[in-house]
Each structure stands twice: as structure tokens, then as C-alpha cells.
Amino acid sequence: MLVAGVDEAGRGPVIGPMIVSGVLVEESSIDVLTQIGVTDSKRLTPPQRVKMLKWIFAVAKNVVFLEVPPSEIDEAICSGMGLNELEARKMAEVVDKLQPDVAYLDAVDPHPGKFGERVKRYLACNARLIAEHNADEKYVVVGAASIIAKVIRDLKIDELKVYGEVGSGYPQDPRTITFLRCWVREKGCLPSFARQTWKTSKRILDEFFQKKLV
């Protein structure tokens, strides 16, 4: 039986893309992932996550990821679709690319069952879906997907460092806030790789224009 795990990284940041990743394995290979130490990416350091990549690729039958840029996230928010619906659509796309018999999903909706139904509406293949909270902690194949998503997301943030010290991209990171404030002060707008619809972005723009009016 073919089993897939699907997870995302970068749902909450104000800077950079969201990455939705999926890992496909034979059911008999799941124990191998456990033996090599695959787990929820949050339990691993960045070097440990990178080290895990080669083992995951060696065990997996297929690995896919989708990059969801800030512009697409903003469009989903402005259109009324919302982030949960966008993520459901992207997870369905990942599952369709993997073609598993069963797919475990890390549910972002407060109601996991409803999130699974959302994903199913976009699904073309006949995979059985199991959506749960903290699936990246419960199922090692989802943990593998979380590692892939996090490493790719970190690489995308590293690429943005040509513009300066962007930090982690998360609103609670002082380096990220300082970077955005400096960018807006110099250019009068947010960078294209920032999520324009985020409260943090709007607040920084409001601060800038209020100061100009004084």
C-alpha cells in the first residue's frame, strides 16, 4: 500500500512563501523513517533537518512540494477564499501528484474532519484522506513532509537575504519588523515578497503614512 504524508511550512509569516509538501512511501518503509530519526520538523535543528533530506529521498517513492507565493496568498484573502481553503486546494494538488492509497494530512482547520472534506472536494484521485491536528507529530510520514517543507521554506528565505537581514519572516521576529519598516521608509511600499494583507504589513504601512502626515 502506498502511504503519503502532507504538511506545510510558512503559513503564518509576513515574508516569503508557504510551502506545501508531500512524501510518498510504501507502507513497509514507514518503520525505516522512524529508525533513521524522522520526526516533526519542529523537534529538529536546521542542520538535522538538512541531514534528514537525503534519507527521506532514499526511502520515499516520490517527494513533491508546491511554492505558494505571497501574491497568491494575498489574492486568496482578498477574494474571500481564505487561507484554509487555499491550503486545502494545494494539499489536494500534492496528493494528486503523489497518487497514494491513503494520505495523512496535518489539518489547519479547527475541525479536522471538515478540513479533510475541503481537501476531498478538490481531489481528482481516489486516495483515502485522514486529516488530524498535529499529524506531523503522530505520523512519521507527515513528519517527513514537514521536514521537506521547512527546509525548502528556509532556502527561500535565505534567497531573500540579498535584500538585507529579513530575519525568519515571522511577525514576532524583530529583525523582520525592522527590515520591513526600513524598506517602507525608503521605498514607500512593501516588498513584493511580503504578504500585503497581513495585519503586520498594514500596521507598518499605517505607521509610515501617519508619520508623513504629521
Protein backbone atom coordinates (compact mmCIF):
# COMPACT_ATOMS: atom_id res chain seq x y z
CA MET A 1 0.00 0.00 0.00
CA LEU A 2 1.21 3.49 -0.84
CA VAL A 3 1.03 6.00 2.00
CA ALA A 4 1.50 9.77 1.76
CA GLY A 5 2.06 12.46 4.34
CA VAL A 6 1.28 16.11 3.57
CA ASP A 7 2.22 19.19 5.57
CA GLU A 8 3.08 22.85 5.13
CA ALA A 9 5.63 25.37 6.33
CA GLY A 10 5.29 29.13 6.28
CA ARG A 11 1.58 29.55 6.86
CA GLY A 12 1.95 32.44 9.32
CA PRO A 13 4.98 34.53 8.22
CA VAL A 14 4.63 38.04 6.84
CA ILE A 15 7.57 37.50 4.47
CA GLY A 16 8.12 34.70 1.98
CA PRO A 17 6.12 31.83 0.51
CA MET A 18 4.18 28.99 2.07
CA ILE A 19 5.49 25.56 1.08
CA VAL A 20 3.14 22.58 0.88
CA SER A 21 4.99 19.27 0.70
CA GLY A 22 4.13 15.62 0.34
CA VAL A 23 6.12 12.40 0.79
CA LEU A 24 5.03 9.05 -0.66
CA VAL A 25 6.29 5.74 0.76
CA GLU A 26 5.45 2.08 0.73
CA GLU A 27 3.69 1.18 3.98
CA SER A 28 6.52 -1.26 4.69
CA SER A 29 9.03 1.63 4.62
CA ILE A 30 7.38 3.68 7.37
CA ASP A 31 9.39 1.92 10.08
CA VAL A 32 12.58 2.84 8.21
CA LEU A 33 11.69 6.53 8.50
CA THR A 34 11.24 6.06 12.24
CA GLN A 35 14.56 4.23 12.57
CA ILE A 36 16.52 6.99 10.86
CA GLY A 37 15.03 9.56 13.23
CA VAL A 38 12.44 11.29 11.06
CA THR A 39 10.04 13.29 13.23
CA ASP A 40 8.15 16.57 13.32
CA SER A 41 10.46 19.23 11.84
CA LYS A 42 9.94 21.47 14.90
CA ARG A 43 11.80 18.89 17.01
CA LEU A 44 14.90 19.10 14.82
CA THR A 45 17.56 21.75 14.38
CA PRO A 46 18.13 23.22 10.89
CA PRO A 47 21.29 21.09 10.34
CA GLN A 48 19.42 17.98 11.47
CA ARG A 49 16.60 18.71 9.03
CA VAL A 50 19.01 19.14 6.15
CA LYS A 51 20.79 15.91 7.09
CA MET A 52 17.45 14.08 7.05
CA LEU A 53 16.74 15.08 3.46
CA LYS A 54 18.97 12.50 1.80
CA TRP A 55 17.49 9.73 3.94
CA ILE A 56 13.93 10.77 3.18
CA PHE A 57 14.67 10.89 -0.57
CA ALA A 58 16.34 7.49 -0.33
CA VAL A 59 13.31 5.89 1.33
CA ALA A 60 10.49 7.73 -0.46
CA LYS A 61 8.98 6.65 -3.74
CA ASN A 62 8.20 10.28 -4.51
CA VAL A 63 8.55 13.71 -2.93
CA VAL A 64 6.75 16.82 -4.18
CA PHE A 65 6.35 20.37 -2.97
CA LEU A 66 4.44 23.44 -4.06
CA GLU A 67 5.58 27.01 -3.50
CA VAL A 68 2.69 29.34 -2.75
CA PRO A 69 3.94 32.93 -3.22
CA PRO A 70 2.73 35.88 -1.13
CA SER A 71 0.78 37.26 -4.11
CA GLU A 72 -1.32 34.08 -4.32
CA ILE A 73 -1.93 34.13 -0.57
CA ASP A 74 -3.00 37.79 -0.75
CA GLU A 75 -5.33 37.01 -3.65
CA ALA A 76 -6.97 34.21 -1.67
CA ILE A 77 -7.51 36.54 1.29
CA CYS A 78 -8.87 39.42 -0.83
CA SER A 79 -11.20 37.18 -2.84
CA GLY A 80 -12.77 35.77 0.30
CA MET A 81 -11.43 32.26 -0.33
CA GLY A 82 -9.29 32.40 2.78
CA LEU A 83 -6.04 30.73 3.72
CA ASN A 84 -7.60 27.46 4.90
CA GLU A 85 -9.37 26.94 1.57
CA LEU A 86 -6.22 27.79 -0.37
CA GLU A 87 -4.23 25.32 1.69
CA ALA A 88 -6.87 22.64 1.17
CA ARG A 89 -6.63 23.16 -2.59
CA LYS A 90 -2.83 22.95 -2.53
CA MET A 91 -2.85 19.81 -0.38
CA ALA A 92 -5.24 18.18 -2.85
CA GLU A 93 -2.85 19.09 -5.65
CA VAL A 94 0.03 17.46 -3.77
CA VAL A 95 -2.00 14.30 -3.10
CA ASP A 96 -2.98 14.09 -6.77
CA LYS A 97 0.67 14.31 -7.78
CA LEU A 98 1.59 11.50 -5.37
CA GLN A 99 -1.36 9.16 -6.12
CA PRO A 100 -1.33 7.32 -2.75
CA ASP A 101 -3.80 4.79 -1.46
CA VAL A 102 -4.10 6.77 1.78
CA ALA A 103 -2.88 10.26 2.66
CA TYR A 104 -2.38 11.71 6.14
CA LEU A 105 -2.85 15.48 6.32
CA ASP A 106 -1.87 17.96 9.00
CA ALA A 107 -5.20 19.74 9.46
CA VAL A 108 -5.15 23.53 9.87
CA ASP A 109 -8.89 23.90 10.40
CA PRO A 110 -10.25 23.79 13.99
CA HIS A 111 -12.34 20.85 12.79
CA PRO A 112 -10.03 18.25 11.18
CA GLY A 113 -12.88 16.32 9.62
CA LYS A 114 -14.18 19.44 7.87
CA PHE A 115 -10.69 20.20 6.61
CA GLY A 116 -10.43 16.69 5.18
CA GLU A 117 -13.74 17.25 3.36
CA ARG A 118 -12.41 20.53 1.97
CA VAL A 119 -9.38 18.79 0.54
CA LYS A 120 -11.54 15.98 -0.85
CA ARG A 121 -13.61 18.47 -2.86
CA TYR A 122 -10.51 19.39 -4.88
CA LEU A 123 -9.17 15.85 -5.17
CA ALA A 124 -9.08 14.06 -8.53
CA CYS A 125 -7.63 10.72 -7.35
CA ASN A 126 -9.34 8.17 -5.10
CA ALA A 127 -6.99 8.38 -2.13
CA ARG A 128 -8.44 7.93 1.34
CA LEU A 129 -7.79 11.05 3.38
CA ILE A 130 -7.08 11.20 7.10
CA ALA A 131 -6.84 14.77 8.43
CA GLU A 132 -5.76 15.33 12.02
CA HIS A 133 -4.33 18.03 14.22
CA ASN A 134 -0.61 17.58 14.95
CA ALA A 135 -0.35 14.87 12.30
CA ASP A 136 3.33 15.78 11.91
CA GLU A 137 3.84 14.51 15.47
CA LYS A 138 1.58 11.44 15.17
CA TYR A 139 2.61 10.07 11.77
CA VAL A 140 6.23 9.82 10.72
CA VAL A 141 5.38 10.17 7.02
CA VAL A 142 3.80 13.55 7.78
CA GLY A 143 6.87 14.41 9.83
CA ALA A 144 8.94 13.67 6.71
CA ALA A 145 6.75 16.04 4.70
CA SER A 146 7.14 18.70 7.39
CA ILE A 147 10.93 18.41 7.13
CA ILE A 148 10.85 18.83 3.35
CA ALA A 149 8.54 21.84 3.61
CA LYS A 150 10.60 23.51 6.32
CA VAL A 151 13.95 23.04 4.55
CA ILE A 152 12.55 24.43 1.30
CA ARG A 153 10.97 27.35 3.12
CA ASP A 154 14.29 28.13 4.86
CA LEU A 155 16.08 28.06 1.49
CA LYS A 156 13.57 30.52 0.05
CA ILE A 157 14.14 32.87 2.99
CA ASP A 158 17.90 32.58 2.53
CA GLU A 159 17.46 33.70 -1.09
CA LEU A 160 15.75 36.89 0.14
CA LYS A 161 18.77 37.86 2.21
CA VAL A 162 20.23 39.57 -0.87
CA TYR A 163 17.83 42.38 0.10
CA GLY A 164 19.10 42.60 3.67
CA GLU A 165 18.54 40.96 7.05
CA VAL A 166 14.96 39.74 6.65
CA GLY A 167 15.13 37.53 9.72
CA SER A 168 12.85 34.50 9.82
CA GLY A 169 9.98 36.28 8.11
CA TYR A 170 7.67 35.83 11.10
CA PRO A 171 5.84 38.84 12.63
CA GLN A 172 7.29 38.16 16.09
CA ASP A 173 10.87 38.42 14.77
CA PRO A 174 12.26 41.93 15.50
CA ARG A 175 14.69 41.60 12.55
CA THR A 176 11.78 41.04 10.18
CA ILE A 177 9.86 44.04 11.51
CA THR A 178 12.96 46.26 11.32
CA PHE A 179 13.60 45.15 7.74
CA LEU A 180 10.02 45.91 6.67
CA ARG A 181 10.00 49.31 8.37
CA CYS A 182 13.27 50.29 6.69
CA TRP A 183 12.02 49.08 3.31
CA VAL A 184 8.77 51.04 3.60
CA ARG A 185 10.61 54.14 4.82
CA GLU A 186 12.97 54.02 1.82
CA LYS A 187 10.54 52.95 -0.91
CA GLY A 188 7.11 53.95 0.31
CA CYS A 189 5.67 50.48 -0.18
CA LEU A 190 6.07 46.89 0.95
CA PRO A 191 8.35 44.47 -0.91
CA SER A 192 6.70 42.06 -3.36
CA PHE A 193 7.79 39.12 -1.18
CA ALA A 194 5.79 40.42 1.80
CA ARG A 195 2.16 39.49 2.36
CA GLN A 196 0.28 42.71 1.82
CA THR A 197 -2.90 41.52 3.57
CA TRP A 198 -1.20 40.61 6.86
CA LYS A 199 -2.04 42.81 9.87
CA THR A 200 1.68 43.36 10.42
CA SER A 201 2.09 44.72 6.89
CA LYS A 202 -0.90 47.02 7.21
CA ARG A 203 0.30 48.31 10.57
CA ILE A 204 3.75 49.14 9.23
CA LEU A 205 2.24 50.97 6.25
CA ASP A 206 -0.15 52.86 8.54
CA GLU A 207 2.73 53.92 10.79
CA PHE A 208 4.68 55.20 7.79
CA PHE A 209 1.84 57.24 6.28
CA GLN A 210 0.76 58.63 9.65
CA LYS A 211 4.30 59.96 10.19
CA LYS A 212 4.24 61.56 6.75
CA LEU A 213 1.02 63.36 7.62
CA VAL A 214 2.45 64.81 10.83
